[in-house]
Amino acid sequence: GMVYNYNEEGIHRAATGWEQCISIPLVQPDTCGLLQQWDKLLEEFSVGEAWLPHRYDEHDHNCYTYALAFINSVRTAQGKQQMSKSEFTEKFVIPETKKASRYMTLHQELTANDFYIVPLPGQEKQC
């Protein structure tokens, strides 16, 4: 999909270049209406004056701030309480980062030790 990000040059949209990123699921499966509106809401949010290039600050007004502000705008529209940076980090970022770290460690160990995975008997695909 399209990745939106914010830096000292303003808002950017990119379809490539983010293949090594971690995707954090934020929308519950039972909120299909929100999924369908997500791109429109994100585009509308991104044209706000808060995200002009000159407002960027490496420590206090950055890409993380941009992402969290968008998420909080959606939460507010849903009548939910906004999340702080620390709450968002604890609930969403850290768990996904831990999963990715475990996966990368396992992958490195398997690769370094010349292991490969084969299906268990009875789980082989039928042609």
C-alpha atoms as a PDB file:
ATOM      1  CA  GLY A   1       0.000   0.000   0.000  1.00  0.00           C
ATOM      2  CA  MET A   2       0.874   3.632   0.256  1.00  0.00           C
ATOM      3  CA  VAL A   3       3.070   4.740   3.168  1.00  0.00           C
ATOM      4  CA  TYR A   4       2.696   8.271   4.505  1.00  0.00           C
ATOM      5  CA  ASN A   5       5.582   9.766   6.447  1.00  0.00           C
ATOM      6  CA  TYR A   6       6.646  13.162   7.729  1.00  0.00           C
ATOM      7  CA  ASN A   7      10.117  14.689   7.922  1.00  0.00           C
ATOM      8  CA  GLU A   8      11.887  18.042   7.595  1.00  0.00           C
ATOM      9  CA  GLU A   9      10.666  18.235   3.986  1.00  0.00           C
ATOM     10  CA  GLY A  10       6.997  17.725   4.902  1.00  0.00           C
ATOM     11  CA  ILE A  11       4.578  14.903   4.109  1.00  0.00           C
ATOM     12  CA  HIS A  12       5.682  12.148   1.744  1.00  0.00           C
ATOM     13  CA  ARG A  13       3.737   9.330   0.135  1.00  0.00           C
ATOM     14  CA  ALA A  14       5.604   6.268  -1.106  1.00  0.00           C
ATOM     15  CA  ALA A  15       4.571   2.918  -2.533  1.00  0.00           C
ATOM     16  CA  THR A  16       8.104   1.501  -2.333  1.00  0.00           C
ATOM     17  CA  GLY A  17      11.091   1.775  -0.070  1.00  0.00           C
ATOM     18  CA  TRP A  18       9.342   0.533   3.074  1.00  0.00           C
ATOM     19  CA  GLU A  19       9.766  -3.203   2.517  1.00  0.00           C
ATOM     20  CA  GLN A  20      11.854  -3.558   5.703  1.00  0.00           C
ATOM     21  CA  CYS A  21       9.387  -1.789   7.985  1.00  0.00           C
ATOM     22  CA  ILE A  22       7.124  -3.349  10.607  1.00  0.00           C
ATOM     23  CA  SER A  23       3.403  -3.076   9.977  1.00  0.00           C
ATOM     24  CA  ILE A  24       1.378  -2.569  13.154  1.00  0.00           C
ATOM     25  CA  PRO A  25      -2.310  -3.518  12.825  1.00  0.00           C
ATOM     26  CA  LEU A  26      -4.423  -0.760  14.353  1.00  0.00           C
ATOM     27  CA  VAL A  27      -7.917  -1.372  12.997  1.00  0.00           C
ATOM     28  CA  GLN A  28     -10.024  -4.173  14.438  1.00  0.00           C
ATOM     29  CA  PRO A  29     -11.491  -6.588  11.862  1.00  0.00           C
ATOM     30  CA  ASP A  30     -15.060  -5.617  12.847  1.00  0.00           C
ATOM     31  CA  THR A  31     -14.573  -1.996  11.737  1.00  0.00           C
ATOM     32  CA  CYS A  32     -14.745  -2.427   7.961  1.00  0.00           C
ATOM     33  CA  GLY A  33     -16.264   1.026   7.547  1.00  0.00           C
ATOM     34  CA  LEU A  34     -13.182   2.583   9.085  1.00  0.00           C
ATOM     35  CA  LEU A  35     -10.879   0.549   6.838  1.00  0.00           C
ATOM     36  CA  GLN A  36     -12.703   1.852   3.781  1.00  0.00           C
ATOM     37  CA  GLN A  37     -12.367   5.463   4.972  1.00  0.00           C
ATOM     38  CA  TRP A  38      -8.784   5.173   6.243  1.00  0.00           C
ATOM     39  CA  ASP A  39      -7.042   6.492   3.106  1.00  0.00           C
ATOM     40  CA  LYS A  40      -9.410   9.444   2.796  1.00  0.00           C
ATOM     41  CA  LEU A  41      -9.023  10.348   6.477  1.00  0.00           C
ATOM     42  CA  LEU A  42      -5.244  10.081   6.226  1.00  0.00           C
ATOM     43  CA  GLU A  43      -5.104  12.283   3.145  1.00  0.00           C
ATOM     44  CA  GLU A  44      -7.334  14.925   4.764  1.00  0.00           C
ATOM     45  CA  PHE A  45      -5.285  14.835   7.957  1.00  0.00           C
ATOM     46  CA  SER A  46      -1.999  15.159   6.079  1.00  0.00           C
ATOM     47  CA  VAL A  47      -2.838  18.473   4.425  1.00  0.00           C
ATOM     48  CA  GLY A  48      -3.151  20.230   7.785  1.00  0.00           C
ATOM     49  CA  GLU A  49      -0.857  23.131   8.617  1.00  0.00           C
ATOM     50  CA  ALA A  50       0.635  21.185  11.511  1.00  0.00           C
ATOM     51  CA  TRP A  51       2.552  19.052   9.016  1.00  0.00           C
ATOM     52  CA  LEU A  52       4.246  21.786   7.007  1.00  0.00           C
ATOM     53  CA  PRO A  53       8.015  21.311   6.607  1.00  0.00           C
ATOM     54  CA  HIS A  54       9.039  24.294   8.765  1.00  0.00           C
ATOM     55  CA  ARG A  55       7.143  22.867  11.762  1.00  0.00           C
ATOM     56  CA  TYR A  56       9.236  19.708  11.816  1.00  0.00           C
ATOM     57  CA  ASP A  57      11.356  19.194  14.915  1.00  0.00           C
ATOM     58  CA  GLU A  58      13.538  16.106  15.259  1.00  0.00           C
ATOM     59  CA  HIS A  59      12.584  15.547  18.907  1.00  0.00           C
ATOM     60  CA  ASP A  60       9.114  17.020  19.431  1.00  0.00           C
ATOM     61  CA  HIS A  61       7.271  17.200  16.092  1.00  0.00           C
ATOM     62  CA  ASN A  62       8.382  14.301  13.908  1.00  0.00           C
ATOM     63  CA  CYS A  63       7.113  11.241  12.044  1.00  0.00           C
ATOM     64  CA  TYR A  64       6.161   9.479  15.280  1.00  0.00           C
ATOM     65  CA  THR A  65       4.182  12.558  16.351  1.00  0.00           C
ATOM     66  CA  TYR A  66       2.501  12.598  12.937  1.00  0.00           C
ATOM     67  CA  ALA A  67       1.474   8.940  13.122  1.00  0.00           C
ATOM     68  CA  LEU A  68       0.202   9.207  16.690  1.00  0.00           C
ATOM     69  CA  ALA A  69      -1.684  12.443  15.977  1.00  0.00           C
ATOM     70  CA  PHE A  70      -3.460  10.757  13.062  1.00  0.00           C
ATOM     71  CA  ILE A  71      -4.342   7.727  15.168  1.00  0.00           C
ATOM     72  CA  ASN A  72      -5.646   9.999  17.921  1.00  0.00           C
ATOM     73  CA  SER A  73      -7.744  11.969  15.424  1.00  0.00           C
ATOM     74  CA  VAL A  74      -9.407   8.718  14.340  1.00  0.00           C
ATOM     75  CA  ARG A  75      -9.897   7.662  17.972  1.00  0.00           C
ATOM     76  CA  THR A  76     -11.473  11.020  18.795  1.00  0.00           C
ATOM     77  CA  ALA A  77     -13.883  10.677  15.850  1.00  0.00           C
ATOM     78  CA  GLN A  78     -14.857   7.264  17.245  1.00  0.00           C
ATOM     79  CA  GLY A  79     -15.487   8.739  20.686  1.00  0.00           C
ATOM     80  CA  LYS A  80     -12.425   7.036  22.170  1.00  0.00           C
ATOM     81  CA  GLN A  81      -9.827   8.550  24.462  1.00  0.00           C
ATOM     82  CA  GLN A  82      -6.561   9.697  22.914  1.00  0.00           C
ATOM     83  CA  MET A  83      -3.350   7.792  23.639  1.00  0.00           C
ATOM     84  CA  SER A  84      -0.108   9.262  24.918  1.00  0.00           C
ATOM     85  CA  LYS A  85       3.200   8.441  23.247  1.00  0.00           C
ATOM     86  CA  SER A  86       4.128   6.082  26.057  1.00  0.00           C
ATOM     87  CA  GLU A  87       0.746   4.304  25.984  1.00  0.00           C
ATOM     88  CA  PHE A  88       0.898   3.843  22.211  1.00  0.00           C
ATOM     89  CA  THR A  89       4.472   2.599  22.445  1.00  0.00           C
ATOM     90  CA  GLU A  90       3.628   0.099  25.191  1.00  0.00           C
ATOM     91  CA  LYS A  91       0.400  -1.206  23.616  1.00  0.00           C
ATOM     92  CA  PHE A  92       1.355  -1.318  19.950  1.00  0.00           C
ATOM     93  CA  VAL A  93       4.994  -0.643  19.123  1.00  0.00           C
ATOM     94  CA  ILE A  94       6.818  -2.750  21.720  1.00  0.00           C
ATOM     95  CA  PRO A  95       4.774  -5.957  21.208  1.00  0.00           C
ATOM     96  CA  GLU A  96       5.251  -5.841  17.422  1.00  0.00           C
ATOM     97  CA  THR A  97       8.935  -5.010  17.780  1.00  0.00           C
ATOM     98  CA  LYS A  98       9.400  -7.999  20.096  1.00  0.00           C
ATOM     99  CA  LYS A  99       7.688 -10.292  17.558  1.00  0.00           C
ATOM    100  CA  ALA A 100       9.900  -8.980  14.767  1.00  0.00           C
ATOM    101  CA  SER A 101      13.017  -9.412  16.883  1.00  0.00           C
ATOM    102  CA  ARG A 102      12.133 -13.033  17.701  1.00  0.00           C
ATOM    103  CA  TYR A 103      11.453 -13.745  14.030  1.00  0.00           C
ATOM    104  CA  MET A 104      14.741 -12.163  12.910  1.00  0.00           C
ATOM    105  CA  THR A 105      16.705 -14.055  15.566  1.00  0.00           C
ATOM    106  CA  LEU A 106      15.119 -17.351  14.534  1.00  0.00           C
ATOM    107  CA  HIS A 107      15.750 -16.616  10.856  1.00  0.00           C
ATOM    108  CA  GLN A 108      19.411 -15.761  11.535  1.00  0.00           C
ATOM    109  CA  GLU A 109      19.947 -18.932  13.565  1.00  0.00           C
ATOM    110  CA  LEU A 110      18.322 -21.144  10.943  1.00  0.00           C
ATOM    111  CA  THR A 111      20.313 -19.542   8.144  1.00  0.00           C
ATOM    112  CA  ALA A 112      23.618 -19.614  10.033  1.00  0.00           C
ATOM    113  CA  ASN A 113      23.224 -23.299  10.892  1.00  0.00           C
ATOM    114  CA  ASP A 114      22.067 -24.491   7.459  1.00  0.00           C
ATOM    115  CA  PHE A 115      18.642 -25.601   8.652  1.00  0.00           C
ATOM    116  CA  TYR A 116      15.628 -25.834   6.438  1.00  0.00           C
ATOM    117  CA  ILE A 117      11.973 -26.490   7.144  1.00  0.00           C
ATOM    118  CA  VAL A 118      10.014 -29.387   5.699  1.00  0.00           C
ATOM    119  CA  PRO A 119       6.340 -30.149   6.166  1.00  0.00           C
ATOM    120  CA  LEU A 120       5.366 -32.752   8.749  1.00  0.00           C
ATOM    121  CA  PRO A 121       3.973 -36.021   7.383  1.00  0.00           C
ATOM    122  CA  GLY A 122       0.335 -35.503   6.483  1.00  0.00           C
ATOM    123  CA  GLN A 123       0.787 -31.743   6.012  1.00  0.00           C
ATOM    124  CA  GLU A 124       2.321 -31.971   2.572  1.00  0.00           C
ATOM    125  CA  LYS A 125       0.464 -30.070  -0.106  1.00  0.00           C
ATOM    126  CA  GLN A 126      -1.473 -32.086  -2.623  1.00  0.00           C
ATOM    127  CA  CYS A 127      -0.709 -31.283  -6.247  1.00  0.00           C
END
